[in-house]
Amino acid sequence: LSVSRLGVVRGTLLVVGHYHRSLARSSVELWGPLAQPLQDLVGLVGLVDQEE
């Protein structure tokens, strides 16, 4: 992956994570099944940021 592509992927995951947290408050039933996978992805992005 190029640096720019990695940045786009990371940015997309961060946006998804942000909206997921916002939507989860009002729509737990809908987002419940997706909560853990999305949190795992956001966590992985956070680990990548720490390593850099």
C-alpha atoms as a PDB file:
ATOM      1  CA  LEU A   1       0.000   0.000   0.000  1.00  0.00           C
ATOM      2  CA  SER A   2       1.214   3.482  -0.767  1.00  0.00           C
ATOM      3  CA  VAL A   3       1.313   5.999   2.047  1.00  0.00           C
ATOM      4  CA  SER A   4      -1.500   8.021   0.494  1.00  0.00           C
ATOM      5  CA  ARG A   5      -3.710   4.963   0.069  1.00  0.00           C
ATOM      6  CA  LEU A   6      -3.051   3.891   3.655  1.00  0.00           C
ATOM      7  CA  GLY A   7      -3.975   7.390   4.785  1.00  0.00           C
ATOM      8  CA  VAL A   8      -7.263   7.228   2.883  1.00  0.00           C
ATOM      9  CA  VAL A   9      -8.097   3.830   4.360  1.00  0.00           C
ATOM     10  CA  ARG A  10      -7.217   5.028   7.859  1.00  0.00           C
ATOM     11  CA  GLY A  11      -9.273   8.191   7.432  1.00  0.00           C
ATOM     12  CA  THR A  12     -12.248   6.186   6.193  1.00  0.00           C
ATOM     13  CA  LEU A  13     -12.055   3.838   9.180  1.00  0.00           C
ATOM     14  CA  LEU A  14     -11.831   6.750  11.595  1.00  0.00           C
ATOM     15  CA  VAL A  15     -14.883   8.384  10.010  1.00  0.00           C
ATOM     16  CA  VAL A  16     -16.795   5.099  10.100  1.00  0.00           C
ATOM     17  CA  GLY A  17     -15.812   4.635  13.732  1.00  0.00           C
ATOM     18  CA  HIS A  18     -16.927   8.155  14.600  1.00  0.00           C
ATOM     19  CA  TYR A  19     -20.316   7.776  12.948  1.00  0.00           C
ATOM     20  CA  HIS A  20     -20.706   4.286  14.369  1.00  0.00           C
ATOM     21  CA  ARG A  21     -20.329   5.607  17.900  1.00  0.00           C
ATOM     22  CA  SER A  22     -22.795   8.424  17.220  1.00  0.00           C
ATOM     23  CA  LEU A  23     -25.384   6.142  15.621  1.00  0.00           C
ATOM     24  CA  ALA A  24     -24.967   3.383  18.184  1.00  0.00           C
ATOM     25  CA  ARG A  25     -26.351   5.660  20.907  1.00  0.00           C
ATOM     26  CA  SER A  26     -29.668   6.078  19.081  1.00  0.00           C
ATOM     27  CA  SER A  27     -29.817   2.796  17.167  1.00  0.00           C
ATOM     28  CA  VAL A  28     -28.301   0.045  19.298  1.00  0.00           C
ATOM     29  CA  GLU A  29     -30.546  -2.624  17.804  1.00  0.00           C
ATOM     30  CA  LEU A  30     -29.400  -1.865  14.267  1.00  0.00           C
ATOM     31  CA  TRP A  31     -25.697  -1.429  15.019  1.00  0.00           C
ATOM     32  CA  GLY A  32     -25.374  -4.045  17.761  1.00  0.00           C
ATOM     33  CA  PRO A  33     -24.200  -6.873  15.427  1.00  0.00           C
ATOM     34  CA  LEU A  34     -21.670  -4.540  13.775  1.00  0.00           C
ATOM     35  CA  ALA A  35     -20.364  -2.894  16.937  1.00  0.00           C
ATOM     36  CA  GLN A  36     -17.537  -5.295  17.741  1.00  0.00           C
ATOM     37  CA  PRO A  37     -16.069  -5.617  14.205  1.00  0.00           C
ATOM     38  CA  LEU A  38     -16.063  -1.838  13.791  1.00  0.00           C
ATOM     39  CA  GLN A  39     -14.494  -1.313  17.200  1.00  0.00           C
ATOM     40  CA  ASP A  40     -11.826  -3.886  16.300  1.00  0.00           C
ATOM     41  CA  LEU A  41     -11.049  -2.011  13.068  1.00  0.00           C
ATOM     42  CA  VAL A  42     -10.836   1.326  14.839  1.00  0.00           C
ATOM     43  CA  GLY A  43      -8.604  -0.293  17.454  1.00  0.00           C
ATOM     44  CA  LEU A  44      -6.266  -1.608  14.755  1.00  0.00           C
ATOM     45  CA  VAL A  45      -6.052   1.859  13.215  1.00  0.00           C
ATOM     46  CA  GLY A  46      -5.168   3.237  16.637  1.00  0.00           C
ATOM     47  CA  LEU A  47      -2.388   0.673  16.995  1.00  0.00           C
ATOM     48  CA  VAL A  48      -0.975   1.644  13.593  1.00  0.00           C
ATOM     49  CA  ASP A  49      -0.983   5.295  14.640  1.00  0.00           C
ATOM     50  CA  GLN A  50       0.898   4.440  17.837  1.00  0.00           C
ATOM     51  CA  GLU A  51       3.537   2.438  15.965  1.00  0.00           C
ATOM     52  CA  GLU A  52       4.239   5.369  13.647  1.00  0.00           C
END
